[in-house]
Amino acid sequence: MNAIKKFFGVVWMILGVVTYGILLKTALEQISAKPTTDTIVQWSIFVIIFFPITIGFLIFGWLAFKGAYDELPTSSDEIEG
């Protein structure tokens, strides 16, 4: 099961980078096709909003890859505070 978690950690990291790259590519295409103020503002907001989501994908994937989720608690009594 831990090998599957590590595999999907890599998948999450790749997914984050690829999807953000597609978003950037689309934003640049749309802005160059119709360089009006509303298009620039709209795509700039999309790019800014989705950047932290991409960072979250990368962090989650990195932690899964490094094994941070190998030993998960089975009850709330096992959680140390």
N, C-alpha and C. Protein backbone atom coordinates (compact mmCIF):
# COMPACT_ATOMS: atom_id res chain seq x y z
N MET A 1 0.82 -1.19 0.00
CA MET A 1 0.00 0.00 0.00
C MET A 1 0.87 1.26 0.00
N ASN A 2 1.99 1.20 0.72
CA ASN A 2 2.88 2.37 0.76
C ASN A 2 3.48 2.66 -0.61
N ALA A 3 3.73 1.61 -1.39
CA ALA A 3 4.26 1.82 -2.75
C ALA A 3 3.22 2.54 -3.61
N ILE A 4 1.95 2.22 -3.42
CA ILE A 4 0.90 2.89 -4.17
C ILE A 4 0.82 4.36 -3.77
N LYS A 5 0.97 4.64 -2.47
CA LYS A 5 0.96 6.03 -2.00
C LYS A 5 2.11 6.82 -2.60
N LYS A 6 3.29 6.21 -2.67
CA LYS A 6 4.46 6.88 -3.26
C LYS A 6 4.25 7.11 -4.75
N PHE A 7 3.67 6.12 -5.44
CA PHE A 7 3.40 6.27 -6.86
C PHE A 7 2.44 7.43 -7.11
N PHE A 8 1.36 7.47 -6.34
CA PHE A 8 0.39 8.53 -6.54
C PHE A 8 0.92 9.88 -6.05
N GLY A 9 1.90 9.89 -5.18
CA GLY A 9 2.57 11.13 -4.84
C GLY A 9 3.25 11.74 -6.04
N VAL A 10 3.93 10.90 -6.81
CA VAL A 10 4.57 11.36 -8.05
C VAL A 10 3.51 11.82 -9.04
N VAL A 11 2.39 11.08 -9.11
CA VAL A 11 1.31 11.45 -10.02
C VAL A 11 0.76 12.83 -9.66
N TRP A 12 0.56 13.10 -8.36
CA TRP A 12 0.05 14.41 -7.93
C TRP A 12 1.01 15.53 -8.29
N MET A 13 2.31 15.28 -8.12
CA MET A 13 3.29 16.31 -8.46
C MET A 13 3.28 16.60 -9.96
N ILE A 14 3.25 15.55 -10.77
CA ILE A 14 3.21 15.73 -12.22
C ILE A 14 1.91 16.41 -12.63
N LEU A 15 0.81 15.99 -12.02
CA LEU A 15 -0.49 16.57 -12.34
C LEU A 15 -0.52 18.07 -12.04
N GLY A 16 0.05 18.46 -10.93
CA GLY A 16 0.09 19.88 -10.58
C GLY A 16 0.86 20.70 -11.59
N VAL A 17 2.02 20.23 -11.98
CA VAL A 17 2.86 20.97 -12.92
C VAL A 17 2.23 21.00 -14.31
N VAL A 18 1.72 19.88 -14.76
CA VAL A 18 1.15 19.80 -16.11
C VAL A 18 -0.11 20.66 -16.23
N THR A 19 -1.00 20.57 -15.25
CA THR A 19 -2.23 21.34 -15.33
C THR A 19 -1.96 22.85 -15.26
N TYR A 20 -1.00 23.26 -14.44
CA TYR A 20 -0.67 24.68 -14.38
C TYR A 20 -0.01 25.13 -15.68
N GLY A 21 0.78 24.27 -16.27
CA GLY A 21 1.39 24.59 -17.56
C GLY A 21 0.33 24.77 -18.64
N ILE A 22 -0.67 23.89 -18.64
CA ILE A 22 -1.77 24.01 -19.61
C ILE A 22 -2.53 25.30 -19.37
N LEU A 23 -2.76 25.64 -18.09
CA LEU A 23 -3.45 26.89 -17.77
C LEU A 23 -2.67 28.10 -18.28
N LEU A 24 -1.36 28.11 -18.05
CA LEU A 24 -0.53 29.22 -18.52
C LEU A 24 -0.53 29.31 -20.05
N LYS A 25 -0.42 28.17 -20.70
CA LYS A 25 -0.42 28.15 -22.16
C LYS A 25 -1.74 28.69 -22.70
N THR A 26 -2.85 28.25 -22.12
CA THR A 26 -4.16 28.73 -22.55
C THR A 26 -4.31 30.22 -22.28
N ALA A 27 -3.85 30.67 -21.13
CA ALA A 27 -3.95 32.09 -20.79
C ALA A 27 -3.17 32.94 -21.79
N LEU A 28 -1.97 32.53 -22.11
CA LEU A 28 -1.16 33.29 -23.07
C LEU A 28 -1.79 33.30 -24.46
N GLU A 29 -2.37 32.16 -24.87
CA GLU A 29 -3.03 32.11 -26.17
C GLU A 29 -4.25 33.03 -26.21
N GLN A 30 -5.04 33.00 -25.15
CA GLN A 30 -6.25 33.82 -25.11
C GLN A 30 -5.92 35.31 -25.04
N ILE A 31 -4.90 35.64 -24.28
CA ILE A 31 -4.51 37.05 -24.17
C ILE A 31 -3.94 37.56 -25.49
N SER A 32 -3.14 36.75 -26.16
CA SER A 32 -2.57 37.20 -27.44
C SER A 32 -3.62 37.23 -28.55
N ALA A 33 -4.65 36.38 -28.47
CA ALA A 33 -5.69 36.37 -29.49
C ALA A 33 -6.62 37.57 -29.35
N LYS A 34 -6.90 37.95 -28.10
CA LYS A 34 -7.82 39.08 -27.86
C LYS A 34 -7.25 39.94 -26.73
N PRO A 35 -6.30 40.81 -27.03
CA PRO A 35 -5.60 41.56 -25.98
C PRO A 35 -6.39 42.77 -25.46
N THR A 36 -7.57 42.49 -24.93
CA THR A 36 -8.34 43.57 -24.30
C THR A 36 -8.15 43.51 -22.79
N THR A 37 -8.54 44.56 -22.13
CA THR A 37 -8.32 44.65 -20.68
C THR A 37 -9.08 43.57 -19.93
N ASP A 38 -10.33 43.30 -20.33
CA ASP A 38 -11.11 42.31 -19.59
C ASP A 38 -10.53 40.90 -19.74
N THR A 39 -9.99 40.58 -20.91
CA THR A 39 -9.37 39.26 -21.11
C THR A 39 -8.10 39.14 -20.28
N ILE A 40 -7.31 40.17 -20.25
CA ILE A 40 -6.06 40.14 -19.48
C ILE A 40 -6.35 40.00 -17.99
N VAL A 41 -7.32 40.76 -17.50
CA VAL A 41 -7.67 40.69 -16.08
C VAL A 41 -8.23 39.32 -15.73
N GLN A 42 -9.14 38.80 -16.58
CA GLN A 42 -9.74 37.50 -16.31
C GLN A 42 -8.69 36.39 -16.22
N TRP A 43 -7.82 36.30 -17.20
CA TRP A 43 -6.82 35.24 -17.20
C TRP A 43 -5.75 35.45 -16.13
N SER A 44 -5.46 36.70 -15.82
CA SER A 44 -4.51 36.96 -14.73
C SER A 44 -5.07 36.45 -13.40
N ILE A 45 -6.36 36.66 -13.17
CA ILE A 45 -6.98 36.18 -11.95
C ILE A 45 -6.96 34.65 -11.91
N PHE A 46 -7.27 34.00 -13.03
CA PHE A 46 -7.21 32.53 -13.07
C PHE A 46 -5.82 32.02 -12.71
N VAL A 47 -4.81 32.64 -13.31
CA VAL A 47 -3.43 32.19 -13.08
C VAL A 47 -3.04 32.41 -11.61
N ILE A 48 -3.41 33.54 -11.05
CA ILE A 48 -3.06 33.84 -9.66
C ILE A 48 -3.79 32.92 -8.69
N ILE A 49 -5.08 32.67 -8.93
CA ILE A 49 -5.88 31.84 -8.03
C ILE A 49 -5.41 30.39 -8.04
N PHE A 50 -5.06 29.87 -9.21
CA PHE A 50 -4.69 28.47 -9.30
C PHE A 50 -3.24 28.18 -8.92
N PHE A 51 -2.43 29.20 -8.73
CA PHE A 51 -1.04 28.97 -8.32
C PHE A 51 -0.95 28.31 -6.93
N PRO A 52 -1.67 28.78 -5.90
CA PRO A 52 -1.60 28.09 -4.60
C PRO A 52 -2.15 26.67 -4.65
N ILE A 53 -3.13 26.43 -5.53
CA ILE A 53 -3.66 25.07 -5.68
C ILE A 53 -2.58 24.16 -6.24
N THR A 54 -1.82 24.65 -7.19
CA THR A 54 -0.72 23.88 -7.76
C THR A 54 0.35 23.61 -6.71
N ILE A 55 0.66 24.60 -5.89
CA ILE A 55 1.63 24.40 -4.82
C ILE A 55 1.12 23.34 -3.84
N GLY A 56 -0.18 23.35 -3.56
CA GLY A 56 -0.78 22.34 -2.70
C GLY A 56 -0.64 20.94 -3.28
N PHE A 57 -0.86 20.80 -4.59
CA PHE A 57 -0.65 19.51 -5.25
C PHE A 57 0.79 19.05 -5.07
N LEU A 58 1.73 19.97 -5.27
CA LEU A 58 3.14 19.62 -5.16
C LEU A 58 3.51 19.21 -3.74
N ILE A 59 3.02 19.94 -2.75
CA ILE A 59 3.32 19.61 -1.35
C ILE A 59 2.72 18.27 -0.98
N PHE A 60 1.46 18.06 -1.33
CA PHE A 60 0.80 16.80 -1.02
C PHE A 60 1.51 15.62 -1.69
N GLY A 61 1.86 15.79 -2.95
CA GLY A 61 2.57 14.73 -3.67
C GLY A 61 3.95 14.46 -3.08
N TRP A 62 4.66 15.52 -2.70
CA TRP A 62 5.99 15.36 -2.12
C TRP A 62 5.92 14.62 -0.79
N LEU A 63 4.95 14.99 0.04
CA LEU A 63 4.80 14.31 1.33
C LEU A 63 4.42 12.84 1.15
N ALA A 64 3.56 12.56 0.18
CA ALA A 64 3.20 11.17 -0.10
C ALA A 64 4.40 10.40 -0.61
N PHE A 65 5.19 11.02 -1.47
CA PHE A 65 6.38 10.37 -2.02
C PHE A 65 7.42 10.10 -0.94
N LYS A 66 7.59 11.05 -0.01
CA LYS A 66 8.59 10.89 1.05
C LYS A 66 8.13 9.95 2.17
N GLY A 67 6.86 9.53 2.16
CA GLY A 67 6.39 8.56 3.14
C GLY A 67 5.75 9.16 4.38
N ALA A 68 5.30 10.39 4.31
CA ALA A 68 4.68 11.03 5.47
C ALA A 68 3.34 10.39 5.82
N TYR A 69 2.72 9.70 4.86
CA TYR A 69 1.42 9.09 5.10
C TYR A 69 1.51 7.57 5.26
N ASP A 70 2.71 7.06 5.53
CA ASP A 70 2.87 5.61 5.67
C ASP A 70 2.22 5.07 6.93
N GLU A 71 2.33 5.78 8.03
CA GLU A 71 1.77 5.34 9.30
C GLU A 71 0.62 6.26 9.68
N LEU A 72 -0.58 5.92 9.27
CA LEU A 72 -1.74 6.74 9.58
C LEU A 72 -2.43 6.21 10.84
N PRO A 73 -2.96 7.08 11.70
CA PRO A 73 -3.67 6.62 12.88
C PRO A 73 -4.99 5.94 12.52
N THR A 74 -5.36 4.95 13.33
CA THR A 74 -6.63 4.26 13.08
C THR A 74 -7.74 4.78 13.99
N SER A 75 -7.36 5.49 15.05
CA SER A 75 -8.37 6.10 15.92
C SER A 75 -7.85 7.44 16.41
N SER A 76 -8.74 8.23 16.99
CA SER A 76 -8.32 9.54 17.48
C SER A 76 -7.44 9.45 18.72
N ASP A 77 -7.41 8.30 19.39
CA ASP A 77 -6.54 8.12 20.54
C ASP A 77 -5.06 8.07 20.14
N GLU A 78 -4.79 7.70 18.91
CA GLU A 78 -3.41 7.58 18.43
C GLU A 78 -2.81 8.92 17.98
N ILE A 79 -3.62 9.95 17.90
CA ILE A 79 -3.15 11.26 17.45
C ILE A 79 -2.49 11.97 18.61
N GLU A 80 -1.23 12.38 18.38
CA GLU A 80 -0.49 13.10 19.42
C GLU A 80 -0.67 14.59 19.18
N GLY A 81 -0.86 15.34 20.25
CA GLY A 81 -1.11 16.76 20.08
C GLY A 81 -0.01 17.62 20.50
